[in-house]
Amino acid sequence: MFEDLIREMERMNGQSVAVPIETDGNGYIDKQCPSEGCEFIFKVNGEDWSNIFKDEAVWCPFCRHEAPADQWFTIEQVEHAKAEALAVVKGEINSALRSGAQKYNRKQPKNSFISMSMTVSGGTKRTHTISAKAAELMQLEIQCESCNSRFAVIGSAYFCPACGYNSVTRTFSDSLRKIRAKKESVEIVRKTINETVGKDEAELTCRSLIETCISDGVVAFQKYCEGLYEPYGQAPFNAFQRLDQASSLWESAIQKGFSSWLSNDEINTLNILYQKRHLLAHNEGIIDLKYIQKSGDISYKEGQRIVISESDIDFLVSALEKLSKGIGAECNNA
């Protein structure tokens, strides 16, 4: 009576169930970092996943965790696959039970004083899987400068998932974009914290947001310069945090210093911002004689605290962009 069910159970022993994964409207597949401390979600181009990515290793664009290609399914995809596999197994069992019931009923004698029949009700009849849906499109699409693979993220990406390459240029561009985003979010943050916590907390938070933009810009430019300078030798420790020394290093390497791309007034203003960053990092922003001597900024007296404005951030980003484009162009032509 249960021969069909037994045969079906034996057939399914060790059988795998394939669940397709859909690409989004731009042809990208959803992936997720398998590291529990990260779980960064991103997308990779479907064609590149087949043609460029290697089975042995894929890298997380955010943390550079490395793992084989079969470990990058998203949590949603895994849960969907489990549900689909269970639905298929239930459907196959249901189908085998119905088949067995039909065969049993056909064997029963007709016109017998006592008759028996078997009915299978309920359960699912589906024996095929439904594709895992793609998540929404991600606006930031990137193509690796090294292997040409295409991927997409929300926020920032530092590494290519296909080859692990870290693009100095892209990382610097992302850093400037984050600085702009922080500056442009200040009033929204101020209003939200003011309404939920209070004015004092709102002011402290927004001031910190603006002030950290200076440090973010200086450090981002330092890393950018260190990355591009590697072919020319080993730069002294933290040399690119000091404008004069950084300019001299580039002038020796590519025969162009910062005055090739910035006016004297722009260099002086940028130097003041660099010195302000140093005060924020090492003296809580309190003016000392060394700051006045190194920056030439006579608008403050010793003991005062510096003020960072949104226009300072705009100038910093603009000046660093000019320098980075100039240096990058010269390095590419070298």
Protein backbone atom coordinates (compact mmCIF):
# COMPACT_ATOMS: atom_id res chain seq x y z
CA MET A 1 0.00 0.00 0.00
CA PHE A 2 2.88 2.40 0.69
CA GLU A 3 5.23 1.18 -2.01
CA ASP A 4 5.20 4.54 -3.85
CA LEU A 5 5.97 6.40 -0.65
CA ILE A 6 8.86 4.05 0.21
CA ARG A 7 10.32 4.39 -3.28
CA GLU A 8 9.99 8.18 -3.13
CA MET A 9 11.67 8.35 0.28
CA GLU A 10 14.54 6.22 -1.02
CA ARG A 11 14.83 8.42 -4.10
CA MET A 12 14.97 11.58 -2.03
CA ASN A 13 17.70 10.19 0.23
CA GLY A 14 20.73 12.41 -0.43
CA GLN A 15 18.89 14.38 -3.11
CA SER A 16 19.57 18.13 -3.34
CA VAL A 17 17.00 20.81 -4.14
CA ALA A 18 18.09 23.69 -6.37
CA VAL A 19 16.57 27.09 -5.62
CA PRO A 20 17.27 29.77 -8.26
CA ILE A 21 18.22 33.29 -7.20
CA GLU A 22 16.86 36.17 -9.23
CA THR A 23 18.95 39.12 -10.36
CA ASP A 24 17.66 42.65 -9.86
CA GLY A 25 16.66 45.04 -12.65
CA ASN A 26 20.31 45.85 -13.35
CA GLY A 27 21.46 42.24 -13.48
CA TYR A 28 22.99 42.14 -9.96
CA ILE A 29 22.83 39.28 -7.44
CA ASP A 30 22.50 39.84 -3.68
CA LYS A 31 25.41 38.71 -1.49
CA GLN A 32 26.17 39.01 2.23
CA CYS A 33 29.41 38.82 4.19
CA PRO A 34 29.46 35.52 6.18
CA SER A 35 31.45 37.09 9.02
CA GLU A 36 29.08 37.45 11.99
CA GLY A 37 30.80 40.65 13.02
CA CYS A 38 30.09 42.26 9.66
CA GLU A 39 27.24 40.71 7.60
CA PHE A 40 27.61 43.53 5.06
CA ILE A 41 25.06 43.23 2.23
CA PHE A 42 26.13 44.04 -1.32
CA LYS A 43 25.45 43.02 -4.92
CA VAL A 44 27.61 41.59 -7.68
CA ASN A 45 26.99 41.62 -11.40
CA GLY A 46 25.52 38.27 -12.43
CA GLU A 47 27.71 37.84 -15.51
CA ASP A 48 30.84 38.79 -13.59
CA TRP A 49 29.95 36.32 -10.83
CA SER A 50 30.14 33.57 -13.46
CA ASN A 51 33.05 34.88 -15.51
CA ILE A 52 35.38 36.79 -13.15
CA PHE A 53 34.78 35.63 -9.58
CA LYS A 54 36.69 32.56 -8.39
CA ASP A 55 35.23 29.65 -6.39
CA GLU A 56 38.19 29.64 -3.98
CA ALA A 57 37.76 33.13 -2.55
CA VAL A 58 35.46 36.14 -2.44
CA TRP A 59 36.17 39.24 -0.35
CA CYS A 60 33.79 41.46 1.59
CA PRO A 61 33.78 44.99 0.11
CA PHE A 62 33.52 46.48 3.60
CA CYS A 63 35.74 44.40 5.96
CA ARG A 64 37.73 42.26 3.44
CA HIS A 65 36.70 38.99 5.09
CA GLU A 66 37.71 36.16 2.75
CA ALA A 67 35.69 32.99 2.18
CA PRO A 68 34.84 30.54 -0.65
CA ALA A 69 32.17 31.63 -3.13
CA ASP A 70 29.53 29.23 -1.75
CA GLN A 71 29.43 31.05 1.61
CA TRP A 72 28.09 34.39 0.40
CA PHE A 73 24.35 33.75 0.29
CA THR A 74 22.26 36.31 2.17
CA ILE A 75 20.36 35.31 5.31
CA GLU A 76 17.10 35.88 3.41
CA GLN A 77 18.24 33.62 0.55
CA VAL A 78 19.19 30.82 2.97
CA GLU A 79 15.85 31.03 4.79
CA HIS A 80 14.00 31.07 1.48
CA ALA A 81 15.94 28.02 0.26
CA LYS A 82 15.14 26.10 3.46
CA ALA A 83 11.44 26.88 3.12
CA GLU A 84 11.46 25.89 -0.57
CA ALA A 85 13.27 22.62 0.11
CA LEU A 86 10.74 21.74 2.82
CA ALA A 87 7.85 22.62 0.49
CA VAL A 88 9.28 20.36 -2.24
CA VAL A 89 9.79 17.43 0.17
CA LYS A 90 6.25 17.81 1.46
CA GLY A 91 4.96 17.98 -2.11
CA GLU A 92 6.86 14.83 -3.14
CA ILE A 93 5.59 12.92 -0.10
CA ASN A 94 2.06 14.14 -0.72
CA SER A 95 2.28 13.08 -4.36
CA ALA A 96 3.58 9.61 -3.39
CA LEU A 97 0.78 9.16 -0.82
CA ARG A 98 -1.87 10.15 -3.37
CA SER A 99 -0.39 7.82 -5.95
CA GLY A 100 -0.38 4.98 -3.43
CA ALA A 101 -3.97 5.73 -2.42
CA GLN A 102 -5.14 5.68 -6.03
CA LYS A 103 -3.43 2.33 -6.69
CA TYR A 104 -4.89 0.89 -3.50
CA ASN A 105 -8.40 2.03 -4.42
CA ARG A 106 -8.13 0.54 -7.92
CA LYS A 107 -7.28 -2.87 -6.46
CA GLN A 108 -10.38 -3.00 -4.27
CA PRO A 109 -13.05 -5.47 -5.49
CA LYS A 110 -16.19 -3.95 -6.91
CA ASN A 111 -19.71 -4.84 -5.68
CA SER A 112 -18.22 -6.32 -2.48
CA PHE A 113 -20.33 -6.41 0.67
CA ILE A 114 -17.45 -4.70 2.53
CA SER A 115 -15.34 -2.12 0.68
CA MET A 116 -12.46 0.09 1.79
CA SER A 117 -10.86 3.09 0.16
CA MET A 118 -8.05 5.46 0.99
CA THR A 119 -8.19 9.26 0.69
CA VAL A 120 -5.27 11.68 1.09
CA SER A 121 -6.31 15.23 1.90
CA GLY A 122 -4.52 18.45 2.69
CA GLY A 123 -0.82 19.05 2.27
CA THR A 124 0.98 20.78 -0.58
CA LYS A 125 1.14 19.46 -4.11
CA ARG A 126 4.01 21.71 -5.21
CA THR A 127 7.16 19.86 -6.30
CA HIS A 128 9.01 22.81 -7.88
CA THR A 129 10.94 25.65 -6.23
CA ILE A 130 10.27 29.38 -6.47
CA SER A 131 13.20 31.71 -7.10
CA ALA A 132 14.55 33.90 -4.31
CA LYS A 133 13.58 37.49 -5.04
CA ALA A 134 16.24 40.16 -5.46
CA ALA A 135 16.45 43.05 -3.02
CA GLU A 136 16.04 46.66 -4.12
CA LEU A 137 18.59 48.24 -6.44
CA MET A 138 21.69 49.78 -4.88
CA GLN A 139 22.57 53.19 -6.28
CA LEU A 140 26.35 53.09 -5.81
CA GLU A 141 27.66 50.85 -8.58
CA ILE A 142 31.44 50.30 -8.75
CA GLN A 143 33.80 48.71 -11.24
CA CYS A 144 37.12 47.40 -9.93
CA GLU A 145 40.17 49.12 -11.40
CA SER A 146 42.15 45.89 -11.18
CA CYS A 147 39.88 43.04 -12.42
CA ASN A 148 36.96 45.05 -13.91
CA SER A 149 34.33 43.18 -11.90
CA ARG A 150 31.18 45.17 -11.15
CA PHE A 151 29.49 45.38 -7.77
CA ALA A 152 27.06 47.64 -5.92
CA VAL A 153 26.74 48.76 -2.31
CA ILE A 154 24.87 51.09 0.00
CA GLY A 155 27.20 53.53 1.74
CA SER A 156 30.85 52.75 1.10
CA ALA A 157 33.04 49.96 -0.24
CA TYR A 158 36.77 49.63 0.29
CA PHE A 159 37.64 46.33 -1.40
CA CYS A 160 36.76 44.52 -4.60
CA PRO A 161 34.78 41.34 -3.80
CA ALA A 162 36.28 39.52 -6.80
CA CYS A 163 39.99 40.15 -6.16
CA GLY A 164 40.25 41.98 -2.82
CA TYR A 165 41.85 45.03 -4.44
CA ASN A 166 41.75 48.23 -2.37
CA SER A 167 41.37 51.28 -4.60
CA VAL A 168 43.13 54.25 -3.03
CA THR A 169 41.25 56.64 -5.30
CA ARG A 170 37.82 55.17 -4.60
CA THR A 171 38.45 55.00 -0.86
CA PHE A 172 39.46 58.66 -0.81
CA SER A 173 36.43 59.64 -2.89
CA ASP A 174 34.17 57.73 -0.48
CA SER A 175 35.77 59.51 2.47
CA LEU A 176 35.04 62.94 0.98
CA ARG A 177 31.49 61.85 0.23
CA LYS A 178 31.03 60.81 3.86
CA ILE A 179 32.37 64.16 5.05
CA ARG A 180 29.86 65.99 2.87
CA ALA A 181 27.08 63.73 4.14
CA LYS A 182 28.00 64.44 7.77
CA LYS A 183 28.04 68.18 7.19
CA GLU A 184 24.75 68.17 5.32
CA SER A 185 23.08 66.09 8.04
CA VAL A 186 23.95 68.45 10.89
CA GLU A 187 20.67 70.36 10.96
CA ILE A 188 18.61 67.17 10.71
CA VAL A 189 20.59 65.69 13.60
CA ARG A 190 20.28 68.91 15.59
CA LYS A 191 16.49 69.01 15.17
CA THR A 192 16.04 65.33 15.99
CA ILE A 193 18.19 65.35 19.15
CA ASN A 194 16.74 68.68 20.25
CA GLU A 195 13.22 67.24 20.06
CA THR A 196 14.04 63.92 21.72
CA VAL A 197 16.83 64.67 24.22
CA GLY A 198 17.52 68.37 24.57
CA LYS A 199 19.32 71.44 23.25
CA ASP A 200 22.60 70.83 25.13
CA GLU A 201 23.00 67.32 23.76
CA ALA A 202 22.03 68.50 20.29
CA GLU A 203 24.66 71.24 20.31
CA LEU A 204 27.42 68.95 21.60
CA THR A 205 26.64 66.27 19.03
CA CYS A 206 26.48 68.67 16.08
CA ARG A 207 29.68 70.44 17.08
CA SER A 208 31.43 67.08 17.29
CA LEU A 209 30.10 66.11 13.85
CA ILE A 210 31.51 69.26 12.28
CA GLU A 211 34.86 69.06 14.08
CA THR A 212 35.46 65.42 13.19
CA CYS A 213 35.06 66.33 9.51
CA ILE A 214 38.43 68.12 9.70
CA SER A 215 40.20 65.07 11.08
CA ASP A 216 38.41 62.80 8.61
CA GLY A 217 39.61 64.92 5.69
CA VAL A 218 43.22 65.12 6.83
CA VAL A 219 43.47 61.39 7.52
CA ALA A 220 41.76 60.50 4.22
CA PHE A 221 44.21 62.66 2.27
CA GLN A 222 47.12 61.17 4.21
CA LYS A 223 46.07 57.63 3.26
CA TYR A 224 45.51 58.69 -0.33
CA CYS A 225 49.00 60.18 -0.57
CA GLU A 226 50.62 57.21 1.16
CA GLY A 227 48.98 54.84 -1.31
CA LEU A 228 50.03 56.77 -4.41
CA TYR A 229 53.51 57.51 -3.07
CA GLU A 230 54.51 53.84 -2.62
CA PRO A 231 56.15 53.53 -6.09
CA TYR A 232 58.42 56.47 -5.22
CA GLY A 233 59.76 55.17 -1.92
CA GLN A 234 59.02 55.10 1.79
CA ALA A 235 57.66 58.40 3.13
CA PRO A 236 58.55 59.44 6.70
CA PHE A 237 56.01 58.54 9.37
CA ASN A 238 52.91 60.81 9.20
CA ALA A 239 54.66 63.04 6.64
CA PHE A 240 51.42 63.55 4.72
CA GLN A 241 49.75 65.04 7.80
CA ARG A 242 52.09 68.01 7.41
CA LEU A 243 51.39 70.20 4.37
CA ASP A 244 54.90 71.58 3.84
CA GLN A 245 56.56 68.18 4.08
CA ALA A 246 53.88 66.52 1.94
CA SER A 247 54.27 69.15 -0.78
CA SER A 248 58.05 68.74 -0.77
CA LEU A 249 57.77 64.96 -1.08
CA TRP A 250 55.50 65.24 -4.11
CA GLU A 251 57.69 67.90 -5.67
CA SER A 252 60.66 65.54 -5.45
CA ALA A 253 58.63 62.61 -6.79
CA ILE A 254 56.62 64.19 -9.64
CA GLN A 255 58.20 67.65 -9.88
CA LYS A 256 55.02 69.34 -8.71
CA GLY A 257 54.15 70.59 -5.25
CA PHE A 258 50.84 71.79 -3.86
CA SER A 259 51.33 75.28 -5.32
CA SER A 260 50.80 73.71 -8.74
CA TRP A 261 47.12 73.24 -7.92
CA LEU A 262 46.35 75.70 -5.11
CA SER A 263 46.94 79.44 -4.79
CA ASN A 264 49.01 80.83 -1.92
CA ASP A 265 45.84 81.98 -0.15
CA GLU A 266 44.32 78.52 -0.52
CA ILE A 267 47.46 76.87 0.84
CA ASN A 268 47.52 79.25 3.81
CA THR A 269 43.85 78.58 4.57
CA LEU A 270 44.37 74.83 4.25
CA ASN A 271 47.36 75.05 6.60
CA ILE A 272 45.20 76.78 9.20
CA LEU A 273 42.68 73.93 9.01
CA TYR A 274 45.48 71.38 9.35
CA GLN A 275 46.72 73.18 12.46
CA LYS A 276 43.20 73.31 13.85
CA ARG A 277 42.93 69.55 13.38
CA HIS A 278 46.16 69.16 15.35
CA LEU A 279 44.72 71.27 18.18
CA LEU A 280 41.51 69.24 18.24
CA ALA A 281 43.47 65.98 18.35
CA HIS A 282 46.06 66.98 20.92
CA ASN A 283 44.87 70.03 22.88
CA GLU A 284 41.06 69.82 22.98
CA GLY A 285 40.96 72.69 20.49
CA ILE A 286 42.52 75.20 22.89
CA ILE A 287 44.78 77.78 21.21
CA ASP A 288 48.46 77.77 22.20
CA LEU A 289 51.44 79.77 20.98
CA LYS A 290 52.65 76.96 18.73
CA TYR A 291 49.34 77.05 16.82
CA ILE A 292 49.62 80.80 16.20
CA GLN A 293 53.23 80.45 15.04
CA LYS A 294 52.61 77.50 12.72
CA SER A 295 49.29 78.64 11.27
CA GLY A 296 49.88 82.39 11.10
CA ASP A 297 46.29 82.74 12.33
CA ILE A 298 46.15 85.96 14.36
CA SER A 299 42.37 85.93 14.74
CA TYR A 300 42.76 84.03 18.03
CA LYS A 301 44.61 84.60 21.28
CA GLU A 302 46.18 81.96 23.47
CA GLY A 303 43.63 80.21 25.67
CA GLN A 304 40.73 80.61 23.27
CA ARG A 305 39.06 77.62 21.63
CA ILE A 306 38.92 77.27 17.87
CA VAL A 307 35.64 77.28 15.96
CA ILE A 308 35.02 75.05 12.93
CA SER A 309 32.32 76.24 10.54
CA GLU A 310 30.51 74.47 7.74
CA SER A 311 32.29 76.75 5.27
CA ASP A 312 35.60 75.41 6.65
CA ILE A 313 34.46 71.91 5.74
CA ASP A 314 33.42 73.00 2.26
CA PHE A 315 36.81 74.58 1.67
CA LEU A 316 38.70 71.58 3.05
CA VAL A 317 36.89 69.12 0.77
CA SER A 318 37.31 71.39 -2.25
CA ALA A 319 41.03 71.92 -1.65
CA LEU A 320 41.74 68.24 -1.03
CA GLU A 321 39.85 67.32 -4.18
CA LYS A 322 41.99 69.71 -6.21
CA LEU A 323 45.18 68.27 -4.76
CA SER A 324 44.10 64.65 -5.17
CA LYS A 325 43.08 65.13 -8.81
CA GLY A 326 46.34 66.90 -9.59
CA ILE A 327 48.51 64.31 -7.87
CA GLY A 328 46.51 61.43 -9.32
CA ALA A 329 46.82 62.74 -12.87
CA GLU A 330 50.59 63.17 -12.54
CA CYS A 331 51.03 59.68 -11.04
CA ASN A 332 48.98 58.11 -13.84
CA ASN A 333 51.10 59.87 -16.46
CA ALA A 334 54.39 58.94 -14.82
